């Protein structure tokens, strides 16, 4: 049974060069960056005792639109739920109009002479 020979320095270098060429072929260089609209942005104010004049913030319409889009409720962002968890409560409008005077659906606390007697007994 012949054992494999350990590759010498030249073969190791050739394997390393081939590996690097494969990695570089799949890499993609990104030169344009933007703010992730799905991450909350915390803007910190200047220090209270700083005497540096405050810079005017230039309005960036695309950034403001992306910021407001990220802060929307999922039902306003998407037309249908994207996950199983979003399906629960996706349609939150009531099936029937609410009526506070309808006693079939509203069970208000009522007191009678028996319950008043029990309340007085529990207070003592």
PDB file of N, CA and C in Angstrom:
ATOM      1  N   UNK A   1       0.834  -1.160   0.000  1.00  0.00           N
ATOM      2  CA  UNK A   1       0.000   0.000   0.000  1.00  0.00           C
ATOM      3  C   UNK A   1       0.890   1.238   0.000  1.00  0.00           C
ATOM      4  N   UNK A   2       0.729   2.046  -1.024  1.00  0.00           N
ATOM      5  CA  UNK A   2       1.579   3.225  -1.134  1.00  0.00           C
ATOM      6  C   UNK A   2       0.923   4.397  -0.416  1.00  0.00           C
ATOM      7  N   UNK A   3       1.725   5.076   0.362  1.00  0.00           N
ATOM      8  CA  UNK A   3       1.223   6.238   1.082  1.00  0.00           C
ATOM      9  C   UNK A   3       1.353   7.472   0.203  1.00  0.00           C
ATOM     10  N   UNK A   4       0.448   8.422   0.412  1.00  0.00           N
ATOM     11  CA  UNK A   4       0.508   9.672  -0.351  1.00  0.00           C
ATOM     12  C   UNK A   4       1.719  10.464   0.099  1.00  0.00           C
ATOM     13  N   UNK A   5       2.358  11.043  -0.869  1.00  0.00           N
ATOM     14  CA  UNK A   5       3.493  11.898  -0.537  1.00  0.00           C
ATOM     15  C   UNK A   5       2.966  13.275  -0.136  1.00  0.00           C
ATOM     16  N   UNK A   6       3.607  13.860   0.806  1.00  0.00           N
ATOM     17  CA  UNK A   6       3.239  15.208   1.236  1.00  0.00           C
ATOM     18  C   UNK A   6       3.668  16.179   0.144  1.00  0.00           C
ATOM     19  N   UNK A   7       2.739  17.086  -0.278  1.00  0.00           N
ATOM     20  CA  UNK A   7       3.117  18.014  -1.360  1.00  0.00           C
ATOM     21  C   UNK A   7       4.262  18.922  -0.917  1.00  0.00           C
ATOM     22  N   UNK A   8       5.177  19.128  -1.843  1.00  0.00           N
ATOM     23  CA  UNK A   8       6.318  19.984  -1.509  1.00  0.00           C
ATOM     24  C   UNK A   8       5.905  21.453  -1.583  1.00  0.00           C
ATOM     25  N   UNK A   9       6.815  22.341  -1.358  1.00  0.00           N
ATOM     26  CA  UNK A   9       6.554  23.776  -1.264  1.00  0.00           C
ATOM     27  C   UNK A   9       5.998  24.336  -2.571  1.00  0.00           C
ATOM     28  N   UNK A  10       6.453  23.833  -3.706  1.00  0.00           N
ATOM     29  CA  UNK A  10       5.982  24.337  -5.001  1.00  0.00           C
ATOM     30  C   UNK A  10       4.506  23.968  -5.196  1.00  0.00           C
ATOM     31  N   UNK A  11       4.146  22.710  -4.874  1.00  0.00           N
ATOM     32  CA  UNK A  11       2.755  22.292  -5.025  1.00  0.00           C
ATOM     33  C   UNK A  11       1.835  23.020  -4.034  1.00  0.00           C
ATOM     34  N   UNK A  12       2.290  23.226  -2.817  1.00  0.00           N
ATOM     35  CA  UNK A  12       1.495  23.966  -1.830  1.00  0.00           C
ATOM     36  C   UNK A  12       1.236  25.390  -2.308  1.00  0.00           C
ATOM     37  N   UNK A  13       2.259  25.997  -2.916  1.00  0.00           N
ATOM     38  CA  UNK A  13       2.112  27.357  -3.428  1.00  0.00           C
ATOM     39  C   UNK A  13       1.116  27.379  -4.590  1.00  0.00           C
ATOM     40  N   UNK A  14       1.162  26.367  -5.465  1.00  0.00           N
ATOM     41  CA  UNK A  14       0.231  26.299  -6.593  1.00  0.00           C
ATOM     42  C   UNK A  14      -1.205  26.130  -6.098  1.00  0.00           C
ATOM     43  N   UNK A  15      -1.397  25.296  -5.075  1.00  0.00           N
ATOM     44  CA  UNK A  15      -2.734  25.110  -4.495  1.00  0.00           C
ATOM     45  C   UNK A  15      -3.225  26.417  -3.882  1.00  0.00           C
ATOM     46  N   UNK A  16      -2.343  27.127  -3.190  1.00  0.00           N
ATOM     47  CA  UNK A  16      -2.699  28.405  -2.565  1.00  0.00           C
ATOM     48  C   UNK A  16      -3.077  29.446  -3.619  1.00  0.00           C
ATOM     49  N   UNK A  17      -2.337  29.525  -4.709  1.00  0.00           N
ATOM     50  CA  UNK A  17      -2.631  30.476  -5.787  1.00  0.00           C
ATOM     51  C   UNK A  17      -3.983  30.156  -6.419  1.00  0.00           C
ATOM     52  N   UNK A  18      -4.248  28.862  -6.656  1.00  0.00           N
ATOM     53  CA  UNK A  18      -5.531  28.466  -7.242  1.00  0.00           C
ATOM     54  C   UNK A  18      -6.697  28.808  -6.321  1.00  0.00           C
ATOM     55  N   UNK A  19      -6.522  28.621  -5.022  1.00  0.00           N
ATOM     56  CA  UNK A  19      -7.568  28.956  -4.055  1.00  0.00           C
ATOM     57  C   UNK A  19      -7.853  30.454  -4.062  1.00  0.00           C
ATOM     58  N   UNK A  20      -6.821  31.260  -4.097  1.00  0.00           N
ATOM     59  CA  UNK A  20      -6.987  32.723  -4.115  1.00  0.00           C
ATOM     60  C   UNK A  20      -7.681  33.158  -5.396  1.00  0.00           C
ATOM     61  N   UNK A  21      -7.336  32.556  -6.528  1.00  0.00           N
ATOM     62  CA  UNK A  21      -7.970  32.924  -7.797  1.00  0.00           C
ATOM     63  C   UNK A  21      -9.470  32.600  -7.767  1.00  0.00           C
ATOM     64  N   UNK A  22      -9.846  31.463  -7.167  1.00  0.00           N
ATOM     65  CA  UNK A  22     -11.259  31.099  -7.055  1.00  0.00           C
ATOM     66  C   UNK A  22     -11.997  32.074  -6.153  1.00  0.00           C
ATOM     67  N   UNK A  23     -11.379  32.483  -5.048  1.00  0.00           N
ATOM     68  CA  UNK A  23     -12.025  33.431  -4.138  1.00  0.00           C
ATOM     69  C   UNK A  23     -12.209  34.790  -4.796  1.00  0.00           C
ATOM     70  N   UNK A  24     -11.200  35.248  -5.532  1.00  0.00           N
ATOM     71  CA  UNK A  24     -11.302  36.564  -6.170  1.00  0.00           C
ATOM     72  C   UNK A  24     -12.331  36.574  -7.291  1.00  0.00           C
ATOM     73  N   UNK A  25     -12.542  35.440  -7.924  1.00  0.00           N
ATOM     74  CA  UNK A  25     -13.515  35.355  -8.999  1.00  0.00           C
ATOM     75  C   UNK A  25     -14.935  35.548  -8.459  1.00  0.00           C
ATOM     76  N   UNK A  26     -15.203  35.127  -7.215  1.00  0.00           N
ATOM     77  CA  UNK A  26     -16.530  35.221  -6.631  1.00  0.00           C
ATOM     78  C   UNK A  26     -16.755  36.493  -5.821  1.00  0.00           C
ATOM     79  N   UNK A  27     -15.702  37.243  -5.577  1.00  0.00           N
ATOM     80  CA  UNK A  27     -15.857  38.462  -4.776  1.00  0.00           C
ATOM     81  C   UNK A  27     -16.439  39.587  -5.626  1.00  0.00           C
ATOM     82  N   UNK A  28     -17.189  40.453  -4.971  1.00  0.00           N
ATOM     83  CA  UNK A  28     -17.816  41.587  -5.635  1.00  0.00           C
ATOM     84  C   UNK A  28     -17.497  42.841  -4.828  1.00  0.00           C
ATOM     85  N   UNK A  29     -16.989  43.861  -5.466  1.00  0.00           N
ATOM     86  CA  UNK A  29     -16.604  45.087  -4.791  1.00  0.00           C
ATOM     87  C   UNK A  29     -17.794  46.036  -4.737  1.00  0.00           C
ATOM     88  N   UNK A  30     -18.182  46.428  -3.520  1.00  0.00           N
ATOM     89  CA  UNK A  30     -19.283  47.376  -3.327  1.00  0.00           C
ATOM     90  C   UNK A  30     -18.698  48.746  -3.045  1.00  0.00           C
ATOM     91  N   UNK A  31     -19.096  49.735  -3.837  1.00  0.00           N
ATOM     92  CA  UNK A  31     -18.584  51.094  -3.647  1.00  0.00           C
ATOM     93  C   UNK A  31     -19.672  52.064  -3.204  1.00  0.00           C
ATOM     94  N   UNK A  32     -20.958  51.676  -3.314  1.00  0.00           N
ATOM     95  CA  UNK A  32     -22.043  52.550  -2.883  1.00  0.00           C
ATOM     96  C   UNK A  32     -22.643  52.001  -1.599  1.00  0.00           C
ATOM     97  N   UNK A  33     -22.742  52.857  -0.593  1.00  0.00           N
ATOM     98  CA  UNK A  33     -23.281  52.453   0.697  1.00  0.00           C
ATOM     99  C   UNK A  33     -24.467  53.344   1.041  1.00  0.00           C
ATOM    100  N   UNK A  34     -25.410  52.784   1.768  1.00  0.00           N
ATOM    101  CA  UNK A  34     -26.563  53.555   2.224  1.00  0.00           C
ATOM    102  C   UNK A  34     -26.936  53.074   3.613  1.00  0.00           C
ATOM    103  N   UNK A  35     -27.817  53.805   4.264  1.00  0.00           N
ATOM    104  CA  UNK A  35     -28.264  53.470   5.601  1.00  0.00           C
ATOM    105  C   UNK A  35     -29.275  52.336   5.497  1.00  0.00           C
ATOM    106  N   UNK A  36     -29.156  51.368   6.379  1.00  0.00           N
ATOM    107  CA  UNK A  36     -30.117  50.265   6.417  1.00  0.00           C
ATOM    108  C   UNK A  36     -31.449  50.811   6.918  1.00  0.00           C
ATOM    109  N   UNK A  37     -32.506  50.792   6.095  1.00  0.00           N
ATOM    110  CA  UNK A  37     -33.773  51.381   6.544  1.00  0.00           C
ATOM    111  C   UNK A  37     -34.493  50.539   7.593  1.00  0.00           C
ATOM    112  N   UNK A  38     -34.073  49.304   7.821  1.00  0.00           N
ATOM    113  CA  UNK A  38     -34.746  48.454   8.785  1.00  0.00           C
ATOM    114  C   UNK A  38     -34.095  48.504  10.160  1.00  0.00           C
ATOM    115  N   UNK A  39     -33.061  49.299  10.322  1.00  0.00           N
ATOM    116  CA  UNK A  39     -32.387  49.425  11.611  1.00  0.00           C
ATOM    117  C   UNK A  39     -32.735  50.777  12.217  1.00  0.00           C
ATOM    118  N   UNK A  40     -32.986  50.801  13.508  1.00  0.00           N
ATOM    119  CA  UNK A  40     -33.341  52.055  14.163  1.00  0.00           C
ATOM    120  C   UNK A  40     -32.118  52.963  14.206  1.00  0.00           C
ATOM    121  N   UNK A  41     -32.342  54.230  13.959  1.00  0.00           N
ATOM    122  CA  UNK A  41     -31.265  55.208  13.923  1.00  0.00           C
ATOM    123  C   UNK A  41     -31.374  56.105  15.149  1.00  0.00           C
ATOM    124  N   UNK A  42     -30.291  56.197  15.884  1.00  0.00           N
ATOM    125  CA  UNK A  42     -30.267  57.044  17.071  1.00  0.00           C
ATOM    126  C   UNK A  42     -29.380  58.252  16.773  1.00  0.00           C
ATOM    127  N   UNK A  43     -29.982  59.424  16.751  1.00  0.00           N
ATOM    128  CA  UNK A  43     -29.241  60.648  16.503  1.00  0.00           C
ATOM    129  C   UNK A  43     -28.904  61.259  17.857  1.00  0.00           C
ATOM    130  N   UNK A  44     -27.620  61.467  18.104  1.00  0.00           N
ATOM    131  CA  UNK A  44     -27.185  62.012  19.391  1.00  0.00           C
ATOM    132  C   UNK A  44     -26.994  63.520  19.273  1.00  0.00           C
ATOM    133  N   UNK A  45     -27.472  64.281  20.235  1.00  0.00           N
ATOM    134  CA  UNK A  45     -27.276  65.729  20.191  1.00  0.00           C
ATOM    135  C   UNK A  45     -25.853  66.099  20.614  1.00  0.00           C
ATOM    136  N   UNK A  46     -25.495  67.355  20.358  1.00  0.00           N
ATOM    137  CA  UNK A  46     -24.176  67.840  20.774  1.00  0.00           C
ATOM    138  C   UNK A  46     -24.118  67.945  22.290  1.00  0.00           C
ATOM    139  N   UNK A  47     -22.897  68.061  22.800  1.00  0.00           N
ATOM    140  CA  UNK A  47     -22.725  68.238  24.236  1.00  0.00           C
ATOM    141  C   UNK A  47     -23.282  69.595  24.634  1.00  0.00           C
ATOM    142  N   UNK A  48     -23.890  69.690  25.800  1.00  0.00           N
ATOM    143  CA  UNK A  48     -24.544  70.941  26.159  1.00  0.00           C
ATOM    144  C   UNK A  48     -23.582  72.120  26.316  1.00  0.00           C
ATOM    145  N   UNK A  49     -22.361  71.883  26.737  1.00  0.00           N
ATOM    146  CA  UNK A  49     -21.430  72.981  26.989  1.00  0.00           C
ATOM    147  C   UNK A  49     -20.482  73.240  25.817  1.00  0.00           C
ATOM    148  N   UNK A  50     -20.689  72.560  24.683  1.00  0.00           N
ATOM    149  CA  UNK A  50     -19.785  72.769  23.546  1.00  0.00           C
ATOM    150  C   UNK A  50     -20.092  74.113  22.899  1.00  0.00           C
ATOM    151  N   UNK A  51     -19.048  74.822  22.508  1.00  0.00           N
ATOM    152  CA  UNK A  51     -19.220  76.135  21.893  1.00  0.00           C
ATOM    153  C   UNK A  51     -19.104  76.066  20.382  1.00  0.00           C
ATOM    154  N   UNK A  52     -18.959  74.875  19.870  1.00  0.00           N
ATOM    155  CA  UNK A  52     -18.856  74.683  18.435  1.00  0.00           C
ATOM    156  C   UNK A  52     -20.192  75.040  17.795  1.00  0.00           C
ATOM    157  N   UNK A  53     -20.185  75.819  16.710  1.00  0.00           N
ATOM    158  CA  UNK A  53     -21.465  76.142  16.064  1.00  0.00           C
ATOM    159  C   UNK A  53     -22.079  74.881  15.462  1.00  0.00           C
ATOM    160  N   UNK A  54     -23.368  74.768  15.614  1.00  0.00           N
ATOM    161  CA  UNK A  54     -24.043  73.583  15.087  1.00  0.00           C
ATOM    162  C   UNK A  54     -24.124  73.670  13.572  1.00  0.00           C
ATOM    163  N   UNK A  55     -23.893  72.552  12.927  1.00  0.00           N
ATOM    164  CA  UNK A  55     -23.944  72.505  11.468  1.00  0.00           C
ATOM    165  C   UNK A  55     -25.393  72.328  11.016  1.00  0.00           C
ATOM    166  N   UNK A  56     -25.722  72.963   9.930  1.00  0.00           N
ATOM    167  CA  UNK A  56     -27.054  72.793   9.369  1.00  0.00           C
ATOM    168  C   UNK A  56     -27.133  71.418   8.713  1.00  0.00           C
ATOM    169  N   UNK A  57     -28.169  70.702   9.051  1.00  0.00           N
ATOM    170  CA  UNK A  57     -28.356  69.375   8.481  1.00  0.00           C
ATOM    171  C   UNK A  57     -29.046  69.523   7.134  1.00  0.00           C
ATOM    172  N   UNK A  58     -28.412  68.969   6.121  1.00  0.00           N
ATOM    173  CA  UNK A  58     -28.965  69.045   4.772  1.00  0.00           C
ATOM    174  C   UNK A  58     -30.058  67.990   4.645  1.00  0.00           C
ATOM    175  N   UNK A  59     -31.203  68.400   4.140  1.00  0.00           N
ATOM    176  CA  UNK A  59     -32.312  67.464   3.973  1.00  0.00           C
ATOM    177  C   UNK A  59     -32.005  66.510   2.824  1.00  0.00           C
ATOM    178  N   UNK A  60     -31.986  65.238   3.140  1.00  0.00           N
ATOM    179  CA  UNK A  60     -31.779  64.212   2.132  1.00  0.00           C
ATOM    180  C   UNK A  60     -33.100  63.488   1.960  1.00  0.00           C
ATOM    181  N   UNK A  61     -33.771  63.743   0.858  1.00  0.00           N
ATOM    182  CA  UNK A  61     -35.129  63.209   0.654  1.00  0.00           C
ATOM    183  C   UNK A  61     -35.135  61.686   0.653  1.00  0.00           C
ATOM    184  N   UNK A  62     -34.146  61.055   0.019  1.00  0.00           N
ATOM    185  CA  UNK A  62     -34.131  59.590  -0.048  1.00  0.00           C
ATOM    186  C   UNK A  62     -33.943  58.993   1.337  1.00  0.00           C
ATOM    187  N   UNK A  63     -33.072  59.588   2.143  1.00  0.00           N
ATOM    188  CA  UNK A  63     -32.842  59.081   3.495  1.00  0.00           C
ATOM    189  C   UNK A  63     -34.097  59.228   4.343  1.00  0.00           C
ATOM    190  N   UNK A  64     -34.765  60.365   4.236  1.00  0.00           N
ATOM    191  CA  UNK A  64     -35.974  60.601   5.032  1.00  0.00           C
ATOM    192  C   UNK A  64     -37.078  59.637   4.611  1.00  0.00           C
ATOM    193  N   UNK A  65     -37.220  59.396   3.298  1.00  0.00           N
ATOM    194  CA  UNK A  65     -38.228  58.437   2.827  1.00  0.00           C
ATOM    195  C   UNK A  65     -37.920  57.035   3.333  1.00  0.00           C
ATOM    196  N   UNK A  66     -36.640  56.627   3.273  1.00  0.00           N
ATOM    197  CA  UNK A  66     -36.257  55.291   3.744  1.00  0.00           C
ATOM    198  C   UNK A  66     -36.469  55.175   5.254  1.00  0.00           C
ATOM    199  N   UNK A  67     -36.185  56.247   5.985  1.00  0.00           N
ATOM    200  CA  UNK A  67     -36.379  56.249   7.429  1.00  0.00           C
ATOM    201  C   UNK A  67     -37.852  56.089   7.783  1.00  0.00           C
ATOM    202  N   UNK A  68     -38.715  56.835   7.107  1.00  0.00           N
ATOM    203  CA  UNK A  68     -40.149  56.736   7.379  1.00  0.00           C
ATOM    204  C   UNK A  68     -40.708  55.388   6.934  1.00  0.00           C
ATOM    205  N   UNK A  69     -40.185  54.841   5.850  1.00  0.00           N
ATOM    206  CA  UNK A  69     -40.634  53.525   5.378  1.00  0.00           C
ATOM    207  C   UNK A  69     -40.276  52.442   6.389  1.00  0.00           C
ATOM    208  N   UNK A  70     -39.099  52.548   7.028  1.00  0.00           N
ATOM    209  CA  UNK A  70     -38.677  51.549   8.012  1.00  0.00           C
ATOM    210  C   UNK A  70     -39.509  51.635   9.285  1.00  0.00           C
ATOM    211  N   UNK A  71     -40.035  52.799   9.605  1.00  0.00           N
ATOM    212  CA  UNK A  71     -40.806  52.980  10.829  1.00  0.00           C
ATOM    213  C   UNK A  71     -42.294  52.660  10.658  1.00  0.00           C
ATOM    214  N   UNK A  72     -42.716  52.286   9.449  1.00  0.00           N
ATOM    215  CA  UNK A  72     -44.127  51.996   9.222  1.00  0.00           C
ATOM    216  C   UNK A  72     -44.533  50.680   9.869  1.00  0.00           C
ATOM    217  N   UNK A  73     -45.823  50.544  10.086  1.00  0.00           N
ATOM    218  CA  UNK A  73     -46.400  49.306  10.596  1.00  0.00           C
ATOM    219  C   UNK A  73     -46.334  48.269   9.473  1.00  0.00           C
ATOM    220  N   UNK A  74     -46.068  46.990   9.794  1.00  0.00           N
ATOM    221  CA  UNK A  74     -45.949  45.985   8.721  1.00  0.00           C
ATOM    222  C   UNK A  74     -47.153  45.907   7.788  1.00  0.00           C
ATOM    223  N   UNK A  75     -48.358  46.180   8.292  1.00  0.00           N
ATOM    224  CA  UNK A  75     -49.523  46.116   7.401  1.00  0.00           C
ATOM    225  C   UNK A  75     -49.500  47.240   6.372  1.00  0.00           C
ATOM    226  N   UNK A  76     -48.807  48.341   6.662  1.00  0.00           N
ATOM    227  CA  UNK A  76     -48.679  49.426   5.696  1.00  0.00           C
ATOM    228  C   UNK A  76     -47.507  49.195   4.754  1.00  0.00           C
ATOM    229  N   UNK A  77     -46.472  48.472   5.227  1.00  0.00           N
ATOM    230  CA  UNK A  77     -45.302  48.201   4.391  1.00  0.00           C
ATOM    231  C   UNK A  77     -45.607  47.161   3.319  1.00  0.00           C
ATOM    232  N   UNK A  78     -46.290  46.092   3.717  1.00  0.00           N
ATOM    233  CA  UNK A  78     -46.478  44.953   2.834  1.00  0.00           C
ATOM    234  C   UNK A  78     -47.968  44.731   2.576  1.00  0.00           C
ATOM    235  N   UNK A  79     -48.270  44.135   1.434  1.00  0.00           N
ATOM    236  CA  UNK A  79     -49.672  43.862   1.114  1.00  0.00           C
ATOM    237  C   UNK A  79     -50.165  42.578   1.761  1.00  0.00           C
ATOM    238  N   UNK A  80     -49.258  41.643   2.044  1.00  0.00           N
ATOM    239  CA  UNK A  80     -49.631  40.385   2.701  1.00  0.00           C
ATOM    240  C   UNK A  80     -48.556  40.029   3.715  1.00  0.00           C
ATOM    241  N   UNK A  81     -48.859  39.191   4.711  1.00  0.00           N
ATOM    242  CA  UNK A  81     -47.859  38.841   5.724  1.00  0.00           C
ATOM    243  C   UNK A  81     -46.712  38.031   5.123  1.00  0.00           C
ATOM    244  N   UNK A  82     -45.490  38.286   5.605  1.00  0.00           N
ATOM    245  CA  UNK A  82     -44.315  37.589   5.090  1.00  0.00           C
ATOM    246  C   UNK A  82     -43.937  36.381   5.931  1.00  0.00           C
ATOM    247  N   UNK A  83     -44.345  36.346   7.185  1.00  0.00           N
ATOM    248  CA  UNK A  83     -44.005  35.233   8.068  1.00  0.00           C
ATOM    249  C   UNK A  83     -45.281  34.666   8.678  1.00  0.00           C
ATOM    250  N   UNK A  84     -45.132  33.491   9.280  1.00  0.00           N
ATOM    251  CA  UNK A  84     -46.272  32.861   9.951  1.00  0.00           C
ATOM    252  C   UNK A  84     -46.718  33.698  11.148  1.00  0.00           C
ATOM    253  N   UNK A  85     -45.774  34.327  11.838  1.00  0.00           N
ATOM    254  CA  UNK A  85     -46.115  35.135  13.009  1.00  0.00           C
ATOM    255  C   UNK A  85     -46.930  36.363  12.619  1.00  0.00           C
ATOM    256  N   UNK A  86     -46.665  36.900  11.447  1.00  0.00           N
ATOM    257  CA  UNK A  86     -47.405  38.089  11.023  1.00  0.00           C
ATOM    258  C   UNK A  86     -48.846  37.760  10.635  1.00  0.00           C
ATOM    259  N   UNK A  87     -49.132  36.506  10.316  1.00  0.00           N
ATOM    260  CA  UNK A  87     -50.495  36.146   9.931  1.00  0.00           C
ATOM    261  C   UNK A  87     -51.475  36.335  11.077  1.00  0.00           C
ATOM    262  N   UNK A  88     -50.994  36.131  12.310  1.00  0.00           N
ATOM    263  CA  UNK A  88     -51.850  36.315  13.480  1.00  0.00           C
ATOM    264  C   UNK A  88     -52.001  37.816  13.714  1.00  0.00           C
ATOM    265  N   UNK A  89     -53.189  38.315  13.625  1.00  0.00           N
ATOM    266  CA  UNK A  89     -53.443  39.731  13.854  1.00  0.00           C
ATOM    267  C   UNK A  89     -53.197  40.604  12.649  1.00  0.00           C
ATOM    268  N   UNK A  90     -52.981  40.031  11.457  1.00  0.00           N
ATOM    269  CA  UNK A  90     -52.725  40.850  10.266  1.00  0.00           C
ATOM    270  C   UNK A  90     -53.960  41.693   9.934  1.00  0.00           C
ATOM    271  N   UNK A  91     -55.137  41.080  10.001  1.00  0.00           N
ATOM    272  CA  UNK A  91     -56.382  41.823   9.781  1.00  0.00           C
ATOM    273  C   UNK A  91     -56.915  42.178  11.167  1.00  0.00           C
ATOM    274  N   UNK A  92     -56.710  43.411  11.569  1.00  0.00           N
ATOM    275  CA  UNK A  92     -57.053  43.808  12.934  1.00  0.00           C
ATOM    276  C   UNK A  92     -58.339  44.615  13.024  1.00  0.00           C
ATOM    277  N   UNK A  93     -59.031  44.766  11.929  1.00  0.00           N
ATOM    278  CA  UNK A  93     -60.293  45.502  12.000  1.00  0.00           C
ATOM    279  C   UNK A  93     -61.360  44.594  12.610  1.00  0.00           C
ATOM    280  N   UNK A  94     -62.232  45.126  13.477  1.00  0.00           N
ATOM    281  CA  UNK A  94     -63.261  44.285  14.095  1.00  0.00           C
ATOM    282  C   UNK A  94     -64.282  43.819  13.061  1.00  0.00           C
ATOM    283  N   UNK A  95     -64.809  42.619  13.274  1.00  0.00           N
ATOM    284  CA  UNK A  95     -65.776  42.056  12.334  1.00  0.00           C
ATOM    285  C   UNK A  95     -67.128  42.742  12.431  1.00  0.00           C
ATOM    286  N   UNK A  96     -67.481  43.202  13.636  1.00  0.00           N
ATOM    287  CA  UNK A  96     -68.731  43.933  13.811  1.00  0.00           C
ATOM    288  C   UNK A  96     -68.408  45.264  14.470  1.00  0.00           C
ATOM    289  N   UNK A  97     -69.213  46.281  14.234  1.00  0.00           N
ATOM    290  CA  UNK A  97     -68.935  47.578  14.870  1.00  0.00           C
ATOM    291  C   UNK A  97     -69.137  47.496  16.386  1.00  0.00           C
ATOM    292  N   UNK A  98     -68.326  48.246  17.113  1.00  0.00           N
ATOM    293  CA  UNK A  98     -68.420  48.203  18.570  1.00  0.00           C
ATOM    294  C   UNK A  98     -69.571  49.076  19.060  1.00  0.00           C
ATOM    295  N   UNK A  99     -70.263  48.551  20.039  1.00  0.00           N
ATOM    296  CA  UNK A  99     -71.366  49.272  20.661  1.00  0.00           C
ATOM    297  C   UNK A  99     -71.244  49.033  22.159  1.00  0.00           C
ATOM    298  N   UNK A 100     -70.917  50.066  22.904  1.00  0.00           N
ATOM    299  CA  UNK A 100     -70.700  49.933  24.351  1.00  0.00           C
ATOM    300  C   UNK A 100     -71.981  49.633  25.110  1.00  0.00           C
ATOM    301  N   UNK A 101     -73.131  49.902  24.524  1.00  0.00           N
ATOM    302  CA  UNK A 101     -74.404  49.682  25.216  1.00  0.00           C
ATOM    303  C   UNK A 101     -74.975  48.288  24.961  1.00  0.00           C
ATOM    304  N   UNK A 102     -74.353  47.519  24.094  1.00  0.00           N
ATOM    305  CA  UNK A 102     -74.825  46.165  23.808  1.00  0.00           C
ATOM    306  C   UNK A 102     -74.366  45.238  24.935  1.00  0.00           C
ATOM    307  N   UNK A 103     -75.308  44.706  25.695  1.00  0.00           N
ATOM    308  CA  UNK A 103     -74.966  43.887  26.862  1.00  0.00           C
ATOM    309  C   UNK A 103     -74.549  42.465  26.495  1.00  0.00           C
ATOM    310  N   UNK A 104     -74.712  42.080  25.240  1.00  0.00           N
ATOM    311  CA  UNK A 104     -74.293  40.737  24.830  1.00  0.00           C
ATOM    312  C   UNK A 104     -72.774  40.616  24.777  1.00  0.00           C
ATOM    313  N   UNK A 105     -72.085  41.711  24.504  1.00  0.00           N
ATOM    314  CA  UNK A 105     -70.629  41.676  24.363  1.00  0.00           C
ATOM    315  C   UNK A 105     -69.891  42.418  25.462  1.00  0.00           C
ATOM    316  N   UNK A 106     -70.575  43.270  26.202  1.00  0.00           N
ATOM    317  CA  UNK A 106     -69.933  44.056  27.256  1.00  0.00           C
ATOM    318  C   UNK A 106     -70.493  43.624  28.608  1.00  0.00           C
ATOM    319  N   UNK A 107     -69.623  43.109  29.443  1.00  0.00           N
ATOM    320  CA  UNK A 107     -70.042  42.629  30.761  1.00  0.00           C
ATOM    321  C   UNK A 107     -69.510  43.586  31.817  1.00  0.00           C
ATOM    322  N   UNK A 108     -70.316  44.576  32.152  1.00  0.00           N
ATOM    323  CA  UNK A 108     -69.892  45.554  33.135  1.00  0.00           C
ATOM    324  C   UNK A 108     -70.127  45.018  34.536  1.00  0.00           C
ATOM    325  N   UNK A 109     -69.394  45.550  35.472  1.00  0.00           N
ATOM    326  CA  UNK A 109     -69.505  45.117  36.856  1.00  0.00           C
ATOM    327  C   UNK A 109     -70.781  45.702  37.457  1.00  0.00           C
ATOM    328  N   UNK A 110     -71.603  44.824  37.986  1.00  0.00           N
ATOM    329  CA  UNK A 110     -72.855  45.260  38.600  1.00  0.00           C
ATOM    330  C   UNK A 110     -72.806  44.916  40.080  1.00  0.00           C
ATOM    331  N   UNK A 111     -73.402  45.762  40.883  1.00  0.00           N
ATOM    332  CA  UNK A 111     -73.433  45.478  42.323  1.00  0.00           C
ATOM    333  C   UNK A 111     -74.883  45.318  42.770  1.00  0.00           C
ATOM    334  N   UNK A 112     -75.066  44.334  43.613  1.00  0.00           N
ATOM    335  CA  UNK A 112     -76.388  44.092  44.205  1.00  0.00           C
ATOM    336  C   UNK A 112     -76.236  44.191  45.715  1.00  0.00           C
ATOM    337  N   UNK A 113     -77.324  43.996  46.439  1.00  0.00           N
ATOM    338  CA  UNK A 113     -77.243  44.093  47.894  1.00  0.00           C
ATOM    339  C   UNK A 113     -76.379  42.963  48.473  1.00  0.00           C
ATOM    340  N   UNK A 114     -76.331  41.804  47.809  1.00  0.00           N
ATOM    341  CA  UNK A 114     -75.495  40.697  48.288  1.00  0.00           C
ATOM    342  C   UNK A 114     -74.015  41.030  48.106  1.00  0.00           C
ATOM    343  N   UNK A 115     -73.676  41.557  46.937  1.00  0.00           N
ATOM    344  CA  UNK A 115     -72.263  41.883  46.702  1.00  0.00           C
ATOM    345  C   UNK A 115     -71.833  43.060  47.566  1.00  0.00           C
ATOM    346  N   UNK A 116     -72.707  44.025  47.823  1.00  0.00           N
ATOM    347  CA  UNK A 116     -72.356  45.148  48.701  1.00  0.00           C
ATOM    348  C   UNK A 116     -72.104  44.650  50.120  1.00  0.00           C
ATOM    349  N   UNK A 117     -72.924  43.711  50.588  1.00  0.00           N
ATOM    350  CA  UNK A 117     -72.732  43.134  51.910  1.00  0.00           C
ATOM    351  C   UNK A 117     -71.377  42.419  52.002  1.00  0.00           C
ATOM    352  N   UNK A 118     -71.010  41.668  50.937  1.00  0.00           N
ATOM    353  CA  UNK A 118     -69.742  40.944  50.943  1.00  0.00           C
ATOM    354  C   UNK A 118     -68.561  41.910  50.902  1.00  0.00           C
ATOM    355  N   UNK A 119     -68.667  42.985  50.156  1.00  0.00           N
ATOM    356  CA  UNK A 119     -67.609  43.983  50.082  1.00  0.00           C
ATOM    357  C   UNK A 119     -67.405  44.638  51.452  1.00  0.00           C
ATOM    358  N   UNK A 120     -68.488  44.968  52.126  1.00  0.00           N
ATOM    359  CA  UNK A 120     -68.366  45.557  53.476  1.00  0.00           C
ATOM    360  C   UNK A 120     -67.749  44.571  54.444  1.00  0.00           C
ATOM    361  N   UNK A 121     -68.083  43.277  54.318  1.00  0.00           N
ATOM    362  CA  UNK A 121     -67.496  42.269  55.203  1.00  0.00           C
ATOM    363  C   UNK A 121     -66.004  42.106  54.954  1.00  0.00           C
ATOM    364  N   UNK A 122     -65.596  42.227  53.706  1.00  0.00           N
ATOM    365  CA  UNK A 122     -64.174  42.063  53.390  1.00  0.00           C
ATOM    366  C   UNK A 122     -63.365  43.302  53.817  1.00  0.00           C
ATOM    367  N   UNK A 123     -63.970  44.459  53.843  1.00  0.00           N
ATOM    368  CA  UNK A 123     -63.266  45.671  54.263  1.00  0.00           C
ATOM    369  C   UNK A 123     -62.940  45.661  55.736  1.00  0.00           C
ATOM    370  N   UNK A 124     -63.766  44.989  56.555  1.00  0.00           N
ATOM    371  CA  UNK A 124     -63.563  44.997  58.009  1.00  0.00           C
ATOM    372  C   UNK A 124     -62.520  44.053  58.425  1.00  0.00           C
TER     373      UNK A 124
END
